C-alpha atoms as a PDB file:
ATOM      1  CA  UNK A   1      -3.392 -15.158  -2.712  1.00  0.00           C
ATOM      2  CA  UNK A   2      -4.719 -16.074  -6.104  1.00  0.00           C
ATOM      3  CA  UNK A   3      -2.489 -15.810  -9.133  1.00  0.00           C
ATOM      4  CA  UNK A   4      -3.124 -16.112 -12.842  1.00  0.00           C
ATOM      5  CA  UNK A   5      -0.674 -18.011 -15.010  1.00  0.00           C
ATOM      6  CA  UNK A   6       0.412 -16.949 -18.471  1.00  0.00           C
ATOM      7  CA  UNK A   7      -1.657 -19.843 -19.835  1.00  0.00           C
ATOM      8  CA  UNK A   8      -4.768 -18.442 -18.181  1.00  0.00           C
ATOM      9  CA  UNK A   9      -4.030 -14.982 -19.577  1.00  0.00           C
ATOM     10  CA  UNK A  10      -3.584 -16.441 -23.028  1.00  0.00           C
ATOM     11  CA  UNK A  11      -6.780 -18.474 -22.719  1.00  0.00           C
ATOM     12  CA  UNK A  12      -8.680 -15.387 -21.609  1.00  0.00           C
ATOM     13  CA  UNK A  13      -7.406 -13.437 -24.613  1.00  0.00           C
ATOM     14  CA  UNK A  14      -8.411 -16.298 -26.878  1.00  0.00           C
ATOM     15  CA  UNK A  15     -11.913 -16.457 -25.465  1.00  0.00           C
ATOM     16  CA  UNK A  16     -12.316 -12.733 -25.897  1.00  0.00           C
ATOM     17  CA  UNK A  17     -11.260 -13.019 -29.501  1.00  0.00           C
ATOM     18  CA  UNK A  18     -13.740 -15.828 -30.141  1.00  0.00           C
ATOM     19  CA  UNK A  19     -16.469 -13.692 -28.597  1.00  0.00           C
ATOM     20  CA  UNK A  20     -15.572 -10.806 -30.870  1.00  0.00           C
ATOM     21  CA  UNK A  21     -14.041  -8.827 -28.013  1.00  0.00           C
ATOM     22  CA  UNK A  22     -10.337  -8.842 -28.825  1.00  0.00           C
ATOM     23  CA  UNK A  23      -8.350  -5.742 -28.007  1.00  0.00           C
ATOM     24  CA  UNK A  24      -8.494  -4.591 -31.617  1.00  0.00           C
ATOM     25  CA  UNK A  25     -12.248  -5.218 -31.941  1.00  0.00           C
ATOM     26  CA  UNK A  26     -13.427  -3.917 -28.574  1.00  0.00           C
ATOM     27  CA  UNK A  27     -14.955  -0.442 -28.948  1.00  0.00           C
ATOM     28  CA  UNK A  28     -12.599   1.913 -27.120  1.00  0.00           C
ATOM     29  CA  UNK A  29      -9.862  -0.713 -26.827  1.00  0.00           C
ATOM     30  CA  UNK A  30      -8.834  -2.985 -23.978  1.00  0.00           C
ATOM     31  CA  UNK A  31      -6.856  -2.246 -20.837  1.00  0.00           C
ATOM     32  CA  UNK A  32      -5.150  -4.988 -18.825  1.00  0.00           C
ATOM     33  CA  UNK A  33      -4.555  -4.122 -15.175  1.00  0.00           C
ATOM     34  CA  UNK A  34      -2.259  -6.138 -12.890  1.00  0.00           C
ATOM     35  CA  UNK A  35      -3.110  -5.682  -9.202  1.00  0.00           C
ATOM     36  CA  UNK A  36      -4.355  -7.537  -6.119  1.00  0.00           C
ATOM     37  CA  UNK A  37      -7.387  -9.760  -6.559  1.00  0.00           C
ATOM     38  CA  UNK A  38     -10.184 -10.778  -4.223  1.00  0.00           C
ATOM     39  CA  UNK A  39     -12.210  -8.048  -2.510  1.00  0.00           C
ATOM     40  CA  UNK A  40      -9.831  -5.380  -3.826  1.00  0.00           C
ATOM     41  CA  UNK A  41     -10.526  -6.408  -7.415  1.00  0.00           C
ATOM     42  CA  UNK A  42     -14.256  -6.538  -6.705  1.00  0.00           C
ATOM     43  CA  UNK A  43     -14.215  -3.009  -5.273  1.00  0.00           C
ATOM     44  CA  UNK A  44     -12.236  -1.692  -8.243  1.00  0.00           C
ATOM     45  CA  UNK A  45     -14.726  -3.274 -10.618  1.00  0.00           C
ATOM     46  CA  UNK A  46     -17.809  -1.829  -8.917  1.00  0.00           C
ATOM     47  CA  UNK A  47     -16.531   1.674  -8.292  1.00  0.00           C
ATOM     48  CA  UNK A  48     -14.151   2.328 -11.198  1.00  0.00           C
ATOM     49  CA  UNK A  49     -13.878  -0.285 -13.937  1.00  0.00           C
ATOM     50  CA  UNK A  50     -17.563  -0.462 -14.796  1.00  0.00           C
ATOM     51  CA  UNK A  51     -17.903   3.325 -14.964  1.00  0.00           C
ATOM     52  CA  UNK A  52     -14.782   3.622 -17.121  1.00  0.00           C
ATOM     53  CA  UNK A  53     -16.024   0.945 -19.493  1.00  0.00           C
ATOM     54  CA  UNK A  54     -19.407   2.659 -19.789  1.00  0.00           C
ATOM     55  CA  UNK A  55     -17.832   6.064 -20.356  1.00  0.00           C
ATOM     56  CA  UNK A  56     -15.187   5.015 -22.888  1.00  0.00           C
ATOM     57  CA  UNK A  57     -16.429   1.798 -24.474  1.00  0.00           C
ATOM     58  CA  UNK A  58     -13.155   0.165 -23.443  1.00  0.00           C
ATOM     59  CA  UNK A  59     -12.889  -3.199 -21.707  1.00  0.00           C
ATOM     60  CA  UNK A  60     -10.793  -3.723 -18.577  1.00  0.00           C
ATOM     61  CA  UNK A  61      -9.220  -7.122 -17.866  1.00  0.00           C
ATOM     62  CA  UNK A  62      -7.939  -7.459 -14.299  1.00  0.00           C
ATOM     63  CA  UNK A  63      -5.043  -9.854 -13.639  1.00  0.00           C
ATOM     64  CA  UNK A  64      -4.873 -10.786  -9.915  1.00  0.00           C
ATOM     65  CA  UNK A  65      -1.209 -10.655  -8.896  1.00  0.00           C
ATOM     66  CA  UNK A  66       0.865  -9.022  -6.186  1.00  0.00           C
ATOM     67  CA  UNK A  67       4.175  -8.933  -4.412  1.00  0.00           C
ATOM     68  CA  UNK A  68       7.364 -10.024  -6.099  1.00  0.00           C
ATOM     69  CA  UNK A  69       5.418 -12.255  -8.478  1.00  0.00           C
ATOM     70  CA  UNK A  70       4.160  -9.118 -10.213  1.00  0.00           C
ATOM     71  CA  UNK A  71       7.688  -7.998 -11.010  1.00  0.00           C
ATOM     72  CA  UNK A  72       8.973 -11.442 -11.943  1.00  0.00           C
ATOM     73  CA  UNK A  73       6.241 -11.794 -14.515  1.00  0.00           C
ATOM     74  CA  UNK A  74       6.568  -8.246 -15.792  1.00  0.00           C
ATOM     75  CA  UNK A  75      10.306  -8.718 -16.263  1.00  0.00           C
ATOM     76  CA  UNK A  76       9.723 -11.973 -18.128  1.00  0.00           C
ATOM     77  CA  UNK A  77       7.347 -10.123 -20.469  1.00  0.00           C
ATOM     78  CA  UNK A  78       9.867  -7.343 -21.006  1.00  0.00           C
ATOM     79  CA  UNK A  79      12.640  -9.824 -21.834  1.00  0.00           C
ATOM     80  CA  UNK A  80      10.390 -11.650 -24.267  1.00  0.00           C
ATOM     81  CA  UNK A  81       9.277  -8.387 -25.895  1.00  0.00           C
ATOM     82  CA  UNK A  82       5.631  -9.342 -25.302  1.00  0.00           C
ATOM     83  CA  UNK A  83       4.103  -6.853 -22.877  1.00  0.00           C
ATOM     84  CA  UNK A  84       0.648  -8.112 -21.921  1.00  0.00           C
ATOM     85  CA  UNK A  85      -0.111  -5.661 -19.098  1.00  0.00           C
ATOM     86  CA  UNK A  86      -0.879  -1.961 -19.405  1.00  0.00           C
ATOM     87  CA  UNK A  87      -1.039  -0.911 -15.749  1.00  0.00           C
ATOM     88  CA  UNK A  88       0.863  -2.284 -12.751  1.00  0.00           C
ATOM     89  CA  UNK A  89       0.564  -1.526  -9.032  1.00  0.00           C
ATOM     90  CA  UNK A  90       4.052  -1.027  -7.538  1.00  0.00           C
ATOM     91  CA  UNK A  91       5.242   0.391  -4.223  1.00  0.00           C
ATOM     92  CA  UNK A  92       7.603   3.399  -4.114  1.00  0.00           C
ATOM     93  CA  UNK A  93      10.873   1.493  -3.707  1.00  0.00           C
ATOM     94  CA  UNK A  94      10.041  -0.289  -6.967  1.00  0.00           C
ATOM     95  CA  UNK A  95      10.678   2.933  -8.861  1.00  0.00           C
ATOM     96  CA  UNK A  96      14.367   2.629  -7.999  1.00  0.00           C
ATOM     97  CA  UNK A  97      14.707  -1.156  -8.143  1.00  0.00           C
ATOM     98  CA  UNK A  98      12.536  -1.858 -11.199  1.00  0.00           C
ATOM     99  CA  UNK A  99      12.169   1.524 -12.881  1.00  0.00           C
ATOM    100  CA  UNK A 100      13.052   0.102 -16.293  1.00  0.00           C
ATOM    101  CA  UNK A 101       9.643  -1.605 -16.279  1.00  0.00           C
ATOM    102  CA  UNK A 102       7.690   1.662 -16.086  1.00  0.00           C
ATOM    103  CA  UNK A 103       6.897   4.494 -18.440  1.00  0.00           C
ATOM    104  CA  UNK A 104       8.111   7.889 -17.279  1.00  0.00           C
ATOM    105  CA  UNK A 105       4.857   9.782 -16.764  1.00  0.00           C
ATOM    106  CA  UNK A 106       3.840  13.021 -18.432  1.00  0.00           C
ATOM    107  CA  UNK A 107       1.767  14.497 -15.593  1.00  0.00           C
ATOM    108  CA  UNK A 108       0.237  17.083 -17.915  1.00  0.00           C
ATOM    109  CA  UNK A 109      -1.719  14.163 -19.398  1.00  0.00           C
ATOM    110  CA  UNK A 110      -3.246  13.483 -15.962  1.00  0.00           C
ATOM    111  CA  UNK A 111      -4.625  16.948 -15.091  1.00  0.00           C
ATOM    112  CA  UNK A 112      -7.040  15.595 -12.488  1.00  0.00           C
ATOM    113  CA  UNK A 113      -4.091  14.380 -10.405  1.00  0.00           C
ATOM    114  CA  UNK A 114      -2.971  17.986 -10.025  1.00  0.00           C
ATOM    115  CA  UNK A 115      -6.500  19.339  -9.645  1.00  0.00           C
ATOM    116  CA  UNK A 116      -7.963  16.781  -7.234  1.00  0.00           C
ATOM    117  CA  UNK A 117      -5.021  14.953  -5.656  1.00  0.00           C
ATOM    118  CA  UNK A 118      -2.938  15.430  -2.544  1.00  0.00           C
ATOM    119  CA  UNK A 119       0.497  16.993  -3.163  1.00  0.00           C
ATOM    120  CA  UNK A 120       2.763  14.587  -5.024  1.00  0.00           C
ATOM    121  CA  UNK A 121      -0.068  12.466  -6.424  1.00  0.00           C
ATOM    122  CA  UNK A 122       1.594  12.270  -9.840  1.00  0.00           C
ATOM    123  CA  UNK A 123       5.225  11.226  -9.601  1.00  0.00           C
ATOM    124  CA  UNK A 124       7.905  10.358 -12.104  1.00  0.00           C
ATOM    125  CA  UNK A 125       6.720   6.783 -12.646  1.00  0.00           C
ATOM    126  CA  UNK A 126       3.267   6.509 -11.064  1.00  0.00           C
ATOM    127  CA  UNK A 127       0.250   8.119  -9.449  1.00  0.00           C
ATOM    128  CA  UNK A 128      -1.092   7.271  -6.021  1.00  0.00           C
ATOM    129  CA  UNK A 129      -3.427   4.283  -5.987  1.00  0.00           C
ATOM    130  CA  UNK A 130      -3.711   3.869  -2.215  1.00  0.00           C
ATOM    131  CA  UNK A 131      -2.468   5.825   0.790  1.00  0.00           C
ATOM    132  CA  UNK A 132      -2.122   4.458   4.284  1.00  0.00           C
ATOM    133  CA  UNK A 133       0.359   4.290   7.096  1.00  0.00           C
ATOM    134  CA  UNK A 134       2.331   1.988   9.328  1.00  0.00           C
ATOM    135  CA  UNK A 135       0.722   2.872  12.640  1.00  0.00           C
ATOM    136  CA  UNK A 136       0.894   2.015  16.303  1.00  0.00           C
ATOM    137  CA  UNK A 137      -2.264   0.074  17.194  1.00  0.00           C
ATOM    138  CA  UNK A 138      -3.255  -0.627  20.794  1.00  0.00           C
ATOM    139  CA  UNK A 139      -5.945  -2.363  22.830  1.00  0.00           C
ATOM    140  CA  UNK A 140      -8.223   0.209  24.458  1.00  0.00           C
ATOM    141  CA  UNK A 141      -9.114  -2.158  27.311  1.00  0.00           C
ATOM    142  CA  UNK A 142      -5.436  -2.483  28.207  1.00  0.00           C
ATOM    143  CA  UNK A 143      -4.947   1.287  28.066  1.00  0.00           C
ATOM    144  CA  UNK A 144      -8.290   3.000  28.777  1.00  0.00           C
ATOM    145  CA  UNK A 145      -6.509   6.167  29.894  1.00  0.00           C
ATOM    146  CA  UNK A 146      -3.244   7.752  28.772  1.00  0.00           C
ATOM    147  CA  UNK A 147      -2.762   5.406  25.771  1.00  0.00           C
ATOM    148  CA  UNK A 148       0.576   5.034  23.935  1.00  0.00           C
ATOM    149  CA  UNK A 149       1.307   7.860  21.515  1.00  0.00           C
ATOM    150  CA  UNK A 150       4.773   7.141  20.124  1.00  0.00           C
ATOM    151  CA  UNK A 151       7.214   4.363  19.311  1.00  0.00           C
ATOM    152  CA  UNK A 152       9.075   5.250  22.520  1.00  0.00           C
ATOM    153  CA  UNK A 153       5.848   4.341  24.321  1.00  0.00           C
ATOM    154  CA  UNK A 154       5.697   1.092  22.341  1.00  0.00           C
ATOM    155  CA  UNK A 155       9.134   0.188  23.716  1.00  0.00           C
ATOM    156  CA  UNK A 156       8.258   1.352  27.264  1.00  0.00           C
ATOM    157  CA  UNK A 157       7.062  -1.928  28.801  1.00  0.00           C
ATOM    158  CA  UNK A 158       7.141  -0.492  32.333  1.00  0.00           C
ATOM    159  CA  UNK A 159       4.623   2.274  31.693  1.00  0.00           C
ATOM    160  CA  UNK A 160       2.679   0.282  29.084  1.00  0.00           C
ATOM    161  CA  UNK A 161       2.925  -3.378  30.165  1.00  0.00           C
ATOM    162  CA  UNK A 162       1.905  -6.295  28.020  1.00  0.00           C
ATOM    163  CA  UNK A 163       3.080  -8.319  25.005  1.00  0.00           C
ATOM    164  CA  UNK A 164       3.861  -6.656  21.682  1.00  0.00           C
ATOM    165  CA  UNK A 165       3.475  -7.815  18.088  1.00  0.00           C
ATOM    166  CA  UNK A 166       5.720  -6.718  15.227  1.00  0.00           C
ATOM    167  CA  UNK A 167       6.153  -7.710  11.591  1.00  0.00           C
ATOM    168  CA  UNK A 168       8.636 -10.452  10.896  1.00  0.00           C
ATOM    169  CA  UNK A 169       8.730  -8.929   7.416  1.00  0.00           C
ATOM    170  CA  UNK A 170       8.997  -5.314   6.214  1.00  0.00           C
ATOM    171  CA  UNK A 171      12.387  -4.639   7.850  1.00  0.00           C
ATOM    172  CA  UNK A 172      12.523  -1.015   6.640  1.00  0.00           C
ATOM    173  CA  UNK A 173       9.417  -0.186   8.659  1.00  0.00           C
ATOM    174  CA  UNK A 174      10.538  -2.073  11.769  1.00  0.00           C
ATOM    175  CA  UNK A 175      13.996  -0.472  11.603  1.00  0.00           C
ATOM    176  CA  UNK A 176      12.401   2.977  11.317  1.00  0.00           C
ATOM    177  CA  UNK A 177      10.112   2.328  14.297  1.00  0.00           C
ATOM    178  CA  UNK A 178      13.068   1.155  16.411  1.00  0.00           C
ATOM    179  CA  UNK A 179      15.092   4.264  15.598  1.00  0.00           C
ATOM    180  CA  UNK A 180      12.158   6.540  16.368  1.00  0.00           C
ATOM    181  CA  UNK A 181      11.802   4.721  19.695  1.00  0.00           C
ATOM    182  CA  UNK A 182      15.500   5.337  20.328  1.00  0.00           C
ATOM    183  CA  UNK A 183      15.050   9.067  19.939  1.00  0.00           C
ATOM    184  CA  UNK A 184      16.002   9.695  16.313  1.00  0.00           C
ATOM    185  CA  UNK A 185      13.933  12.639  14.989  1.00  0.00           C
ATOM    186  CA  UNK A 186      11.557  11.751  12.171  1.00  0.00           C
ATOM    187  CA  UNK A 187      13.235  14.136   9.733  1.00  0.00           C
ATOM    188  CA  UNK A 188      16.678  12.676  10.556  1.00  0.00           C
ATOM    189  CA  UNK A 189      15.881   8.996  10.086  1.00  0.00           C
ATOM    190  CA  UNK A 190      17.772   8.492   6.827  1.00  0.00           C
ATOM    191  CA  UNK A 191      20.160   6.969   6.208  1.00  0.00           C
ATOM    192  CA  UNK A 192      18.782   4.375   8.637  1.00  0.00           C
ATOM    193  CA  UNK A 193      21.308   3.246  11.247  1.00  0.00           C
ATOM    194  CA  UNK A 194      20.725  -0.504  10.933  1.00  0.00           C
ATOM    195  CA  UNK A 195      23.060  -1.550  13.762  1.00  0.00           C
ATOM    196  CA  UNK A 196      21.508   0.925  16.193  1.00  0.00           C
ATOM    197  CA  UNK A 197      18.041  -0.315  15.245  1.00  0.00           C
ATOM    198  CA  UNK A 198      19.017  -3.948  15.825  1.00  0.00           C
ATOM    199  CA  UNK A 199      20.233  -3.129  19.344  1.00  0.00           C
ATOM    200  CA  UNK A 200      16.929  -1.420  20.078  1.00  0.00           C
ATOM    201  CA  UNK A 201      14.990  -4.386  18.720  1.00  0.00           C
ATOM    202  CA  UNK A 202      17.012  -6.792  20.859  1.00  0.00           C
ATOM    203  CA  UNK A 203      15.931  -4.729  23.861  1.00  0.00           C
ATOM    204  CA  UNK A 204      12.253  -5.259  23.042  1.00  0.00           C
ATOM    205  CA  UNK A 205      12.535  -8.795  21.680  1.00  0.00           C
ATOM    206  CA  UNK A 206      11.709 -10.601  24.994  1.00  0.00           C
ATOM    207  CA  UNK A 207       8.377  -8.766  25.021  1.00  0.00           C
ATOM    208  CA  UNK A 208       7.399  -9.552  21.418  1.00  0.00           C
ATOM    209  CA  UNK A 209       4.808 -12.330  21.473  1.00  0.00           C
ATOM    210  CA  UNK A 210       4.386 -12.652  17.713  1.00  0.00           C
ATOM    211  CA  UNK A 211       6.489 -11.636  14.730  1.00  0.00           C
ATOM    212  CA  UNK A 212       3.670 -11.800  12.201  1.00  0.00           C
ATOM    213  CA  UNK A 213       4.277 -12.488   8.530  1.00  0.00           C
ATOM    214  CA  UNK A 214       1.004 -11.572   6.825  1.00  0.00           C
ATOM    215  CA  UNK A 215      -1.766  -9.020   7.077  1.00  0.00           C
ATOM    216  CA  UNK A 216      -4.290 -11.655   8.098  1.00  0.00           C
ATOM    217  CA  UNK A 217      -2.028 -12.896  10.873  1.00  0.00           C
ATOM    218  CA  UNK A 218      -1.480  -9.337  12.116  1.00  0.00           C
ATOM    219  CA  UNK A 219      -5.253  -8.994  12.520  1.00  0.00           C
ATOM    220  CA  UNK A 220      -5.670 -12.387  14.199  1.00  0.00           C
ATOM    221  CA  UNK A 221      -3.069 -11.591  16.864  1.00  0.00           C
ATOM    222  CA  UNK A 222      -5.102  -8.576  17.967  1.00  0.00           C
ATOM    223  CA  UNK A 223      -8.442 -10.365  17.718  1.00  0.00           C
ATOM    224  CA  UNK A 224      -7.115 -13.130  19.973  1.00  0.00           C
ATOM    225  CA  UNK A 225      -5.520 -10.700  22.418  1.00  0.00           C
ATOM    226  CA  UNK A 226      -2.038 -12.104  21.844  1.00  0.00           C
ATOM    227  CA  UNK A 227      -0.619  -8.618  22.242  1.00  0.00           C
ATOM    228  CA  UNK A 228      -1.719  -5.238  23.569  1.00  0.00           C
ATOM    229  CA  UNK A 229       0.133  -3.262  20.889  1.00  0.00           C
ATOM    230  CA  UNK A 230       1.271  -3.883  17.338  1.00  0.00           C
ATOM    231  CA  UNK A 231       2.808  -2.184  14.306  1.00  0.00           C
ATOM    232  CA  UNK A 232      -0.033  -2.393  11.797  1.00  0.00           C
ATOM    233  CA  UNK A 233      -0.944  -1.413   8.279  1.00  0.00           C
ATOM    234  CA  UNK A 234      -3.591   1.251   8.844  1.00  0.00           C
ATOM    235  CA  UNK A 235      -6.063  -0.511   6.556  1.00  0.00           C
ATOM    236  CA  UNK A 236      -5.863  -3.668   8.629  1.00  0.00           C
ATOM    237  CA  UNK A 237      -6.408  -1.971  11.976  1.00  0.00           C
ATOM    238  CA  UNK A 238      -9.260   0.172  10.616  1.00  0.00           C
ATOM    239  CA  UNK A 239     -10.925  -3.019   9.427  1.00  0.00           C
ATOM    240  CA  UNK A 240     -10.649  -4.474  12.935  1.00  0.00           C
ATOM    241  CA  UNK A 241     -12.072  -1.295  14.432  1.00  0.00           C
ATOM    242  CA  UNK A 242     -15.002  -1.499  11.993  1.00  0.00           C
ATOM    243  CA  UNK A 243     -15.635  -5.017  13.328  1.00  0.00           C
ATOM    244  CA  UNK A 244     -16.040  -3.537  16.788  1.00  0.00           C
ATOM    245  CA  UNK A 245     -12.747  -4.762  18.209  1.00  0.00           C
ATOM    246  CA  UNK A 246     -11.554  -2.737  21.275  1.00  0.00           C
ATOM    247  CA  UNK A 247      -8.682  -1.111  19.394  1.00  0.00           C
ATOM    248  CA  UNK A 248      -7.414   2.302  18.410  1.00  0.00           C
ATOM    249  CA  UNK A 249      -4.428   3.835  16.656  1.00  0.00           C
ATOM    250  CA  UNK A 250      -2.138   6.803  16.786  1.00  0.00           C
ATOM    251  CA  UNK A 251      -0.970   8.402  13.548  1.00  0.00           C
ATOM    252  CA  UNK A 252       1.920  10.102  15.347  1.00  0.00           C
ATOM    253  CA  UNK A 253       5.233   8.939  13.820  1.00  0.00           C
ATOM    254  CA  UNK A 254       3.384   6.779  11.310  1.00  0.00           C
ATOM    255  CA  UNK A 255       5.359   5.559   8.327  1.00  0.00           C
ATOM    256  CA  UNK A 256       4.118   6.099   4.775  1.00  0.00           C
ATOM    257  CA  UNK A 257       2.434   3.169   3.037  1.00  0.00           C
ATOM    258  CA  UNK A 258       1.862   4.000  -0.618  1.00  0.00           C
ATOM    259  CA  UNK A 259       0.788   2.011  -3.646  1.00  0.00           C
ATOM    260  CA  UNK A 260       0.727   3.377  -7.180  1.00  0.00           C
ATOM    261  CA  UNK A 261      -0.695   2.938 -10.632  1.00  0.00           C
ATOM    262  CA  UNK A 262       2.114   2.786 -13.175  1.00  0.00           C
ATOM    263  CA  UNK A 263       2.074   2.331 -16.936  1.00  0.00           C
ATOM    264  CA  UNK A 264       4.150  -0.629 -18.053  1.00  0.00           C
ATOM    265  CA  UNK A 265       6.849   0.311 -20.538  1.00  0.00           C
ATOM    266  CA  UNK A 266       6.150  -1.105 -23.984  1.00  0.00           C
ATOM    267  CA  UNK A 267       2.379  -1.230 -23.703  1.00  0.00           C
ATOM    268  CA  UNK A 268       0.624  -0.615 -27.029  1.00  0.00           C
ATOM    269  CA  UNK A 269      -2.274   0.942 -25.071  1.00  0.00           C
ATOM    270  CA  UNK A 270      -0.448   3.871 -23.466  1.00  0.00           C
ATOM    271  CA  UNK A 271      -3.054   6.458 -24.489  1.00  0.00           C
ATOM    272  CA  UNK A 272      -5.857   4.414 -22.951  1.00  0.00           C
ATOM    273  CA  UNK A 273      -3.781   3.894 -19.815  1.00  0.00           C
ATOM    274  CA  UNK A 274      -3.344   7.665 -19.458  1.00  0.00           C
ATOM    275  CA  UNK A 275      -7.079   8.091 -19.941  1.00  0.00           C
ATOM    276  CA  UNK A 276      -7.756   5.642 -17.109  1.00  0.00           C
ATOM    277  CA  UNK A 277      -5.272   7.356 -14.768  1.00  0.00           C
ATOM    278  CA  UNK A 278      -6.978  10.705 -15.293  1.00  0.00           C
ATOM    279  CA  UNK A 279     -10.400   9.080 -14.885  1.00  0.00           C
ATOM    280  CA  UNK A 280      -9.204   7.364 -11.690  1.00  0.00           C
ATOM    281  CA  UNK A 281      -8.892  10.723  -9.936  1.00  0.00           C
ATOM    282  CA  UNK A 282     -12.526  11.744 -10.548  1.00  0.00           C
ATOM    283  CA  UNK A 283     -15.804  11.214  -8.657  1.00  0.00           C
ATOM    284  CA  UNK A 284     -15.107  11.674  -4.932  1.00  0.00           C
ATOM    285  CA  UNK A 285     -18.209   9.662  -3.972  1.00  0.00           C
ATOM    286  CA  UNK A 286     -16.716   6.612  -5.695  1.00  0.00           C
ATOM    287  CA  UNK A 287     -13.441   7.130  -3.826  1.00  0.00           C
ATOM    288  CA  UNK A 288     -15.258   7.294  -0.483  1.00  0.00           C
ATOM    289  CA  UNK A 289     -17.199   4.099  -1.187  1.00  0.00           C
ATOM    290  CA  UNK A 290     -14.041   2.351  -2.417  1.00  0.00           C
ATOM    291  CA  UNK A 291     -12.015   3.436   0.625  1.00  0.00           C
ATOM    292  CA  UNK A 292     -14.693   2.255   3.031  1.00  0.00           C
ATOM    293  CA  UNK A 293     -14.458  -1.204   1.474  1.00  0.00           C
ATOM    294  CA  UNK A 294     -10.667  -1.555   1.310  1.00  0.00           C
ATOM    295  CA  UNK A 295      -9.892   0.608   4.391  1.00  0.00           C
ATOM    296  CA  UNK A 296      -7.175   2.589   2.608  1.00  0.00           C
ATOM    297  CA  UNK A 297      -7.512   6.077   1.205  1.00  0.00           C
ATOM    298  CA  UNK A 298      -7.002   7.240  -2.333  1.00  0.00           C
ATOM    299  CA  UNK A 299      -5.445  10.583  -3.241  1.00  0.00           C
ATOM    300  CA  UNK A 300      -8.730  12.334  -4.066  1.00  0.00           C
ATOM    301  CA  UNK A 301      -8.904  15.216  -1.580  1.00  0.00           C
ATOM    302  CA  UNK A 302     -12.517  15.997  -2.486  1.00  0.00           C
ATOM    303  CA  UNK A 303     -13.456  12.668  -0.894  1.00  0.00           C
ATOM    304  CA  UNK A 304     -12.830  14.154   2.552  1.00  0.00           C
ATOM    305  CA  UNK A 305     -15.825  16.454   2.041  1.00  0.00           C
ATOM    306  CA  UNK A 306     -18.055  13.369   1.877  1.00  0.00           C
ATOM    307  CA  UNK A 307     -16.945  12.071   5.278  1.00  0.00           C
ATOM    308  CA  UNK A 308     -18.414  12.740   8.707  1.00  0.00           C
ATOM    309  CA  UNK A 309     -16.375  14.684  11.308  1.00  0.00           C
ATOM    310  CA  UNK A 310     -15.910  11.412  13.212  1.00  0.00           C
ATOM    311  CA  UNK A 311     -14.455   9.634  10.159  1.00  0.00           C
ATOM    312  CA  UNK A 312     -11.918  12.253   9.087  1.00  0.00           C
ATOM    313  CA  UNK A 313      -9.411  11.753  11.981  1.00  0.00           C
ATOM    314  CA  UNK A 314      -9.042   8.096  10.959  1.00  0.00           C
ATOM    315  CA  UNK A 315      -8.179   8.829   7.333  1.00  0.00           C
ATOM    316  CA  UNK A 316      -4.590   8.767   6.138  1.00  0.00           C
ATOM    317  CA  UNK A 317      -5.125  11.749   3.827  1.00  0.00           C
ATOM    318  CA  UNK A 318      -6.539  14.073   6.474  1.00  0.00           C
ATOM    319  CA  UNK A 319      -4.040  16.920   6.770  1.00  0.00           C
ATOM    320  CA  UNK A 320      -2.936  16.234  10.384  1.00  0.00           C
ATOM    321  CA  UNK A 321      -2.313  12.556   9.628  1.00  0.00           C
ATOM    322  CA  UNK A 322      -0.335  13.300   6.469  1.00  0.00           C
ATOM    323  CA  UNK A 323       1.813  15.734   8.443  1.00  0.00           C
ATOM    324  CA  UNK A 324       2.298  13.142  11.207  1.00  0.00           C
ATOM    325  CA  UNK A 325       3.968  10.693   8.810  1.00  0.00           C
ATOM    326  CA  UNK A 326       7.750  10.582   8.917  1.00  0.00           C
ATOM    327  CA  UNK A 327       9.407  11.131   5.507  1.00  0.00           C
ATOM    328  CA  UNK A 328      10.965   8.111   3.829  1.00  0.00           C
ATOM    329  CA  UNK A 329      13.925   7.928   1.454  1.00  0.00           C
ATOM    330  CA  UNK A 330      12.669   5.196  -0.854  1.00  0.00           C
ATOM    331  CA  UNK A 331      15.829   5.210  -2.947  1.00  0.00           C
ATOM    332  CA  UNK A 332      17.834   4.360   0.169  1.00  0.00           C
ATOM    333  CA  UNK A 333      15.318   1.645   1.070  1.00  0.00           C
ATOM    334  CA  UNK A 334      15.645   0.080  -2.388  1.00  0.00           C
ATOM    335  CA  UNK A 335      19.447   0.164  -2.313  1.00  0.00           C
ATOM    336  CA  UNK A 336      19.772  -1.221   1.222  1.00  0.00           C
ATOM    337  CA  UNK A 337      16.910  -3.705   1.426  1.00  0.00           C
ATOM    338  CA  UNK A 338      19.220  -6.746   1.322  1.00  0.00           C
ATOM    339  CA  UNK A 339      21.396  -5.442   4.157  1.00  0.00           C
ATOM    340  CA  UNK A 340      18.358  -4.644   6.288  1.00  0.00           C
ATOM    341  CA  UNK A 341      16.804  -8.030   5.617  1.00  0.00           C
ATOM    342  CA  UNK A 342      20.006  -9.874   6.556  1.00  0.00           C
ATOM    343  CA  UNK A 343      20.472  -7.929   9.794  1.00  0.00           C
ATOM    344  CA  UNK A 344      16.826  -8.336  10.689  1.00  0.00           C
ATOM    345  CA  UNK A 345      16.850 -12.099  10.160  1.00  0.00           C
ATOM    346  CA  UNK A 346      20.028 -12.389  12.202  1.00  0.00           C
ATOM    347  CA  UNK A 347      18.356 -10.485  15.060  1.00  0.00           C
ATOM    348  CA  UNK A 348      15.279 -12.737  14.900  1.00  0.00           C
ATOM    349  CA  UNK A 349      17.290 -15.953  15.070  1.00  0.00           C
ATOM    350  CA  UNK A 350      19.699 -15.024  17.875  1.00  0.00           C
END
């Protein structure tokens, strides 16, 4: 994944100033957005940034960054008292682990989130940027009839034979899947019983062909037929299905995968950031086009009206799929991530 150093950011700012496009001189101001790069950045630019710039006269500078690097750099800025980003793209547990980095949102300043978004679009520290799920993906050639429909089925190697793939990362999702397989009701998952989950994972471990550690690897394992089932990010499996791979998913007992837009505390461009967040929720056609490129949904419910009947069942924000997701206690996840990670690594290395 590409990253941009502070030197590059500084150089970019300098070049803008030389060109007469510094933040102070740019008509409408300048907004710096920290989020994933590559095709995601390209899709944001085409479907949102360019329209926002045209509408407001502002300039958007995108800084490609993700994962823990985003928070390390944001914290360094906060300590130095030199906040260079306006918007960040955290996940929900970040609001408990790193909440001091974010502005507490005034949702009345983002009326389109209430008007056009799914319930809960505007939260205390962020609005939904992307919505997906951790889903059970399976090979349709291996199971042409009576396919797996639950995590209990995923663990049932007698009825559904064949190798499995699971993340060697994301312990909170793997622990949740194991507990669901062991019969814990979705609304009773938390607090997660880590020891019980590890026993259930040990039971399946001989049948796990690959413990993948990246999204690309998760896709390659299914392309190569290394397993007949896998826990997958919904965006990754939908991309494989769009390629024509013989795969399908069940949303039953899926786990929520959310990403947010959050305003970085200390930004001098807070008003412009609010303006972008409200703008973000508009134009359902743009949301449909964006989602078809990145394979994750946004929170714009009007976008569903622009989809075909065949497309809607695959979307995370369709009402049945939202209801199928098990609720997560992200505060608990944030507070117990180290314990889960330690237990998970111990299970992997036994």
